[in-house]
Protein backbone atom coordinates (compact mmCIF):
# COMPACT_ATOMS: atom_id res chain seq x y z
CA MET A 1 46.32 14.38 -65.70
CA ALA A 2 48.10 17.86 -65.58
CA GLU A 3 49.59 17.44 -68.98
CA GLU A 4 45.97 16.70 -70.92
CA LYS A 5 44.79 19.82 -69.10
CA LYS A 6 47.02 22.24 -70.56
CA PRO A 7 45.81 22.38 -74.10
CA LEU A 8 41.91 22.33 -72.97
CA LEU A 9 42.66 25.40 -70.73
CA LYS A 10 44.33 26.71 -73.46
CA THR A 11 42.00 26.37 -76.07
CA GLU A 12 39.04 27.08 -73.39
CA GLY A 13 40.72 30.63 -72.59
CA LYS A 14 40.64 31.42 -75.95
CA ILE A 15 36.69 30.54 -76.51
CA ARG A 16 35.61 31.88 -73.03
CA SER A 17 34.66 35.01 -74.77
CA LYS A 18 32.40 33.41 -77.05
CA ALA A 19 30.71 31.43 -74.56
CA PRO A 20 27.70 34.19 -73.97
CA GLN A 21 26.34 33.67 -77.58
CA PRO A 22 23.03 34.17 -79.22
CA PHE A 23 20.85 31.43 -79.45
CA ILE A 24 21.67 28.75 -81.74
CA ALA A 25 19.35 26.43 -83.32
CA HIS A 26 20.32 22.96 -85.29
CA PRO A 27 19.35 23.51 -89.14
CA LEU A 28 15.52 23.43 -89.44
CA ARG A 29 14.03 21.89 -92.51
CA GLU A 30 11.27 24.45 -94.85
CA ALA A 31 8.05 22.77 -94.56
CA GLU A 32 6.70 24.64 -97.33
CA PRO A 33 6.85 23.55 -100.50
CA VAL A 34 8.43 25.28 -103.33
CA SER A 35 5.69 25.92 -105.62
CA GLU A 36 3.62 27.48 -102.67
CA PRO A 37 2.96 31.26 -103.65
CA GLN A 38 5.41 33.76 -101.78
CA SER A 39 2.35 35.56 -100.30
CA PHE A 40 1.04 32.30 -98.16
CA ARG A 41 4.81 32.20 -97.20
CA GLY A 42 4.28 35.79 -95.94
CA PHE A 43 0.88 34.67 -94.12
CA TYR A 44 2.82 32.18 -92.40
CA SER A 45 5.38 33.77 -91.27
CA ALA A 46 3.13 37.09 -89.88
CA ILE A 47 1.48 34.17 -87.53
CA ALA A 48 4.72 32.73 -86.55
CA SER A 49 5.80 36.57 -85.59
CA HIS A 50 3.05 36.41 -82.75
CA PHE A 51 4.94 33.36 -81.41
CA PRO A 52 8.44 34.89 -80.89
CA SER A 53 9.39 31.55 -78.56
CA LEU A 54 7.97 29.11 -81.44
CA ARG A 55 11.73 28.42 -82.56
CA ARG A 56 13.55 27.99 -79.53
CA GLN A 57 10.42 25.32 -78.68
CA LEU A 58 10.94 23.73 -82.21
CA VAL A 59 14.69 23.15 -81.41
CA GLU A 60 14.10 21.92 -78.05
CA ALA A 61 12.21 19.54 -79.22
CA ASP A 62 13.67 18.20 -81.99
CA MET A 63 11.44 19.28 -84.66
CA ARG A 64 12.74 19.88 -87.74
CA TYR A 65 10.56 22.72 -88.88
CA THR A 66 10.57 26.72 -89.19
CA PRO A 67 8.59 28.57 -87.63
CA ALA A 68 6.40 29.43 -91.00
CA GLY A 69 6.22 26.02 -91.69
CA PHE A 70 5.27 24.47 -88.44
CA VAL A 71 2.44 27.09 -88.80
CA ARG A 72 1.55 26.11 -91.93
CA HIS A 73 1.35 22.30 -90.38
CA SER A 74 -0.75 23.34 -87.64
CA LEU A 75 -3.19 24.86 -89.57
CA LEU A 76 -3.58 21.79 -91.51
CA THR A 77 -4.09 20.35 -88.46
CA ALA A 78 -6.52 22.96 -87.12
CA LEU A 79 -8.58 21.73 -90.51
CA TYR A 80 -8.13 17.97 -89.89
CA ILE A 81 -9.52 18.56 -85.95
CA THR A 82 -12.20 20.93 -86.99
CA SER A 83 -14.06 18.71 -89.66
CA ALA A 84 -13.96 15.90 -87.00
CA LEU A 85 -15.45 17.78 -84.31
CA LEU A 86 -18.30 19.47 -86.88
CA LEU A 87 -19.00 15.62 -87.82
CA ILE A 88 -19.29 14.87 -84.12
CA THR A 89 -21.84 17.88 -83.58
CA TYR A 90 -23.93 17.27 -86.79
CA LEU A 91 -24.46 13.24 -85.07
CA LEU A 92 -25.32 15.00 -82.09
CA VAL A 93 -28.00 17.95 -83.18
CA ARG A 94 -29.46 16.02 -85.86
CA SER A 95 -31.39 19.30 -86.97
CA GLU A 96 -30.86 20.60 -90.63
CA GLU A 97 -32.79 23.99 -89.37
CA LEU A 98 -30.19 24.68 -86.53
CA TRP A 99 -27.20 22.81 -88.26
CA LEU A 100 -26.51 26.34 -90.47
CA LEU A 101 -26.76 28.41 -87.30
CA ILE A 102 -24.24 26.03 -85.49
CA LEU A 103 -22.06 25.97 -88.15
CA LEU A 104 -21.43 29.55 -88.49
CA LEU A 105 -21.36 29.82 -84.88
CA LEU A 106 -19.06 26.82 -84.09
CA LEU A 107 -16.74 27.05 -86.89
CA PRO A 108 -14.77 29.98 -86.16
CA LEU A 109 -14.40 28.77 -82.15
CA TYR A 110 -13.44 25.22 -83.34
CA TYR A 111 -10.64 26.39 -85.99
CA ALA A 112 -9.08 28.93 -83.61
CA GLY A 113 -9.09 26.10 -80.61
CA SER A 114 -7.59 23.60 -82.60
CA PHE A 115 -4.98 25.81 -83.72
CA PHE A 116 -3.90 26.93 -80.71
CA TYR A 117 -3.94 23.54 -79.46
CA ALA A 118 -1.80 22.30 -82.38
CA MET A 119 0.69 25.04 -81.47
CA GLN A 120 0.94 23.69 -78.10
CA PHE A 121 2.71 20.76 -79.41
CA PRO A 122 6.60 22.05 -79.41
CA ARG A 123 6.23 22.70 -75.83
CA ILE A 124 4.68 19.84 -74.98
CA LYS A 125 6.88 17.09 -76.64
CA ALA A 126 10.07 19.38 -75.62
CA ARG A 127 8.87 18.71 -71.82
CA ILE A 128 8.77 14.98 -72.46
CA ARG A 129 11.63 14.99 -74.16
CA ALA A 130 13.30 16.83 -70.82
CA LYS A 131 12.08 14.14 -68.48
CA ARG A 132 13.38 11.63 -70.64
CA ILE A 133 16.91 13.28 -70.24
CA GLU A 134 16.19 13.72 -66.49
CA GLN A 135 15.38 9.85 -66.21
CA GLU A 136 18.96 9.07 -67.24
CA LEU A 137 20.98 11.83 -66.45
CA VAL A 138 22.14 10.67 -63.13
CA PHE A 139 23.09 7.49 -64.08
CA ALA A 140 25.01 8.91 -67.13
CA GLY A 141 26.74 11.65 -65.38
CA ARG A 142 28.07 9.05 -62.24
CA HIS A 143 29.31 6.84 -65.05
CA MET A 144 31.26 9.71 -66.45
CA LEU A 145 32.69 10.60 -63.08
CA ILE A 146 33.59 7.33 -62.56
CA GLU A 147 35.66 7.18 -66.01
CA LEU A 148 37.41 10.77 -64.81
CA LYS A 149 38.37 9.38 -61.37
CA GLY A 150 39.63 6.24 -63.19
CA GLY A 151 42.09 8.77 -65.21
CA VAL A 152 40.04 9.11 -68.57
CA PRO A 153 40.50 11.89 -70.10
CA LEU A 154 37.06 14.18 -70.47
CA PHE A 155 36.61 13.40 -73.85
CA ASP A 156 36.98 9.67 -73.93
CA ALA A 157 34.39 9.93 -70.75
CA MET A 158 31.62 11.69 -72.87
CA LEU A 159 32.05 8.96 -75.86
CA GLY A 160 31.57 6.43 -73.09
CA ILE A 161 28.16 7.03 -72.08
CA SER A 162 27.36 8.15 -75.60
CA ARG A 163 24.89 5.64 -76.05
CA ASP A 164 23.23 3.17 -73.80
CA TYR A 165 21.84 5.76 -71.66
CA GLY A 166 18.95 6.87 -74.20
CA GLU A 167 18.04 10.97 -74.74
CA VAL A 168 21.31 11.74 -72.51
CA SER A 169 23.68 9.41 -74.62
CA THR A 170 21.97 11.64 -77.52
CA GLU A 171 22.89 14.88 -76.60
CA PHE A 172 26.54 13.66 -75.71
CA ASN A 173 26.79 12.40 -78.74
CA LYS A 174 26.53 15.47 -80.22
CA VAL A 175 28.89 17.31 -78.36
CA VAL A 176 31.55 14.16 -79.40
CA GLU A 177 29.97 15.00 -83.16
CA LYS A 178 30.63 18.54 -83.15
CA VAL A 179 34.21 18.10 -80.94
CA THR A 180 35.22 15.64 -84.07
CA LEU A 181 34.44 18.01 -86.64
CA GLY A 182 36.71 20.53 -85.30
CA VAL A 183 34.43 22.85 -82.77
CA PRO A 184 36.52 23.15 -79.60
CA LEU A 185 34.78 21.28 -76.48
CA GLY A 186 33.76 24.33 -74.99
CA VAL A 187 31.86 25.59 -77.66
CA ALA A 188 30.23 22.48 -78.28
CA LEU A 189 29.21 22.32 -74.51
CA HIS A 190 27.36 25.12 -74.81
CA ASP A 191 25.82 25.12 -78.22
CA VAL A 192 24.58 21.44 -76.50
CA ALA A 193 23.22 23.40 -73.51
CA GLU A 194 21.57 26.27 -75.60
CA THR A 195 19.37 23.38 -77.63
CA ASN A 196 18.62 21.39 -74.78
CA PRO A 197 15.00 21.54 -72.71
CA SER A 198 15.80 20.19 -69.69
CA PRO A 199 17.29 22.47 -66.99
CA TYR A 200 19.22 19.54 -65.05
CA PHE A 201 20.93 18.71 -68.33
CA LYS A 202 21.72 22.26 -69.07
CA ARG A 203 23.40 22.71 -65.40
CA VAL A 204 25.91 19.67 -65.90
CA VAL A 205 26.83 20.39 -69.46
CA LEU A 206 27.87 24.01 -68.26
CA GLN A 207 29.01 23.43 -65.03
CA ILE A 208 31.27 21.07 -66.84
CA ALA A 209 32.35 24.15 -69.55
CA ASN A 210 32.68 26.39 -67.02
CA SER A 211 35.32 24.32 -64.62
CA LEU A 212 37.13 23.98 -68.00
CA ALA A 213 37.52 27.21 -68.78
CA SER A 214 38.69 28.34 -65.29
CA GLY A 215 40.62 25.65 -64.84
CA SER A 216 39.03 23.97 -61.92
CA ASP A 217 38.94 20.32 -61.51
CA VAL A 218 36.15 18.92 -63.60
CA THR A 219 35.66 15.65 -61.49
CA SER A 220 35.06 18.05 -58.40
CA SER A 221 32.71 20.09 -60.00
CA LEU A 222 30.93 17.07 -61.70
CA GLU A 223 30.88 15.44 -58.20
CA ALA A 224 29.05 18.25 -55.97
CA VAL A 225 26.13 18.97 -59.20
CA LEU A 226 25.47 15.66 -59.52
CA ASP A 227 24.81 15.15 -55.83
CA GLN A 228 22.94 18.60 -56.27
CA ILE A 229 20.66 17.19 -58.78
CA SER A 230 19.56 13.62 -56.81
CA LYS A 231 18.63 15.63 -53.68
CA GLU A 232 16.45 17.97 -55.62
CA GLN A 233 15.02 14.77 -57.51
CA VAL A 234 14.22 13.04 -54.23
CA ILE A 235 12.47 16.69 -53.16
CA GLU A 236 10.32 16.24 -56.31
CA LEU A 237 9.55 12.61 -55.84
CA LYS A 238 8.64 13.39 -52.37
CA ALA A 239 6.24 16.50 -53.51
CA TYR A 240 4.74 14.19 -55.71
CA GLY A 241 3.88 11.65 -52.79
CA GLN A 242 1.99 14.68 -51.14
CA LYS A 243 0.25 15.54 -53.80
CA LEU A 244 -0.92 12.22 -54.59
CA ASN A 245 -3.61 12.80 -51.60
CA PRO A 246 -5.81 15.29 -53.08
CA ILE A 247 -5.63 13.96 -56.46
CA VAL A 248 -6.94 10.54 -55.18
CA MET A 249 -9.40 12.11 -52.82
CA PHE A 250 -11.25 13.72 -55.71
CA PHE A 251 -11.07 10.66 -58.03
CA MET A 252 -12.76 8.50 -55.50
CA ILE A 253 -15.43 11.41 -54.86
CA PHE A 254 -16.09 12.33 -58.75
CA GLY A 255 -14.99 9.02 -60.36
CA ILE A 256 -16.56 6.24 -58.28
CA ILE A 257 -18.95 7.16 -55.47
CA LEU A 258 -20.62 10.62 -57.09
CA PRO A 259 -21.67 8.47 -59.85
CA SER A 260 -22.47 5.24 -58.45
CA LEU A 261 -24.49 6.86 -55.80
CA GLY A 262 -25.67 9.36 -58.41
CA VAL A 263 -26.87 6.61 -60.93
CA ALA A 264 -28.72 4.94 -58.25
CA PHE A 265 -30.28 8.01 -56.59
CA VAL A 266 -31.49 8.85 -60.05
CA ILE A 267 -33.22 5.34 -60.97
CA ILE A 268 -35.10 5.48 -57.63
CA LEU A 269 -36.60 8.99 -58.09
CA SER A 270 -37.45 7.50 -61.43
CA SER A 271 -39.53 4.69 -60.35
CA PHE A 272 -41.16 7.03 -57.97
CA LEU A 273 -42.43 9.39 -60.44
CA GLY A 274 -43.48 6.54 -62.73
CA GLY A 275 -41.47 7.25 -65.80
CA ALA A 276 -44.28 9.81 -67.08
CA SER A 277 -42.15 12.91 -66.73
CA PHE A 278 -38.68 11.91 -66.15
CA ALA A 279 -37.34 9.11 -68.21
CA PHE A 280 -34.10 7.18 -67.84
CA GLY A 281 -33.30 4.57 -70.02
CA SER A 282 -30.34 2.94 -72.17
CA SER A 283 -29.04 5.99 -73.85
CA ALA A 284 -28.92 7.89 -70.77
CA LEU A 285 -26.71 5.00 -68.62
CA PHE A 286 -24.68 4.84 -71.77
CA GLY A 287 -24.23 8.71 -71.51
CA ILE A 288 -23.25 8.49 -67.93
CA LEU A 289 -20.70 5.70 -68.75
CA VAL A 290 -18.88 8.20 -71.27
CA ALA A 291 -18.52 10.75 -68.36
CA VAL A 292 -17.47 8.52 -65.71
CA GLY A 293 -14.69 7.15 -68.45
CA LEU A 294 -13.64 10.34 -69.40
CA ILE A 295 -13.35 11.38 -66.00
CA GLN A 296 -10.78 8.90 -64.79
CA PHE A 297 -9.32 9.24 -68.04
CA ILE A 298 -8.28 12.74 -66.89
CA PHE A 299 -7.58 11.78 -63.56
CA LEU A 300 -5.07 9.03 -64.70
CA SER A 301 -3.90 11.44 -67.24
CA MET A 302 -3.07 14.15 -64.35
CA VAL A 303 -1.26 11.30 -62.12
CA GLU A 304 0.71 10.22 -64.87
CA SER A 305 1.99 13.60 -65.95
CA SER A 306 2.76 14.84 -62.89
CA ARG A 307 4.99 11.73 -61.76
CA PRO A 308 8.86 12.10 -62.00
CA LYS A 309 10.36 9.89 -64.67
CA PHE A 310 13.36 9.43 -62.63
CA ASP A 311 14.57 7.12 -59.66
CA ILE A 312 15.92 8.22 -56.58
CA VAL A 313 19.51 7.10 -56.65
């Protein structure tokens, strides 16, 4: 093992000064057609300049758009969403006299809201990707740790986890490809860490890179950071269990108790009034059913989105 570390240490000593590099993105494809006027591209670029973190979010989400190209894509998506919202509004209002006024008032609001909603896609996708990485990170790290303790070289250990571990294998496969193409191992690790949305993954990869550069034992450093990540994941699972208590309480109140008792109370009240001044028909029941379904969907989405995606190991 000592003989294998010497060339790595010399290489890492040379590239240590290159470690704090500026943000390096993978190649992004242009989403604009070639025949599109240059003025439109300048317009998209001007809008993209108001979202300074868009490029990093696109890279972390592994969405191969340029910032200007994604702005163009978001503008088209907002157009589709706005058309659907206006159609729903027209079916609900069904008033020719008010339609023009509603169109003038709601069209800019619908379009602006839809555009900013579409611009959140990279951030949401990056967060989902980070959760998928963290789901398998400790398992893959311990696999690599066992191989290192067994005398396997570091590059071969990374090659061993470049499959069967989901998104983690995808990221380590990038490291393997870069090293195979001639990039020094330390530079490849720093590049992959810079384009990854998971802070846990960045911690593991940068710990390996720093251990190589300083000449310390990679095995002990990797074992320490994996143990720390495991403890933090246990803390997150406990915090999630405590967070469920108020969510379940509000779900019982607004999703079950209030709709059932409220509908019964309204039916009794309408029977006393005789239906003369207060009508409660099938359309009102259908509206309540839709509202209850929407409330339950929101609560279930909150529970699912806040649930950690990893297991206790």
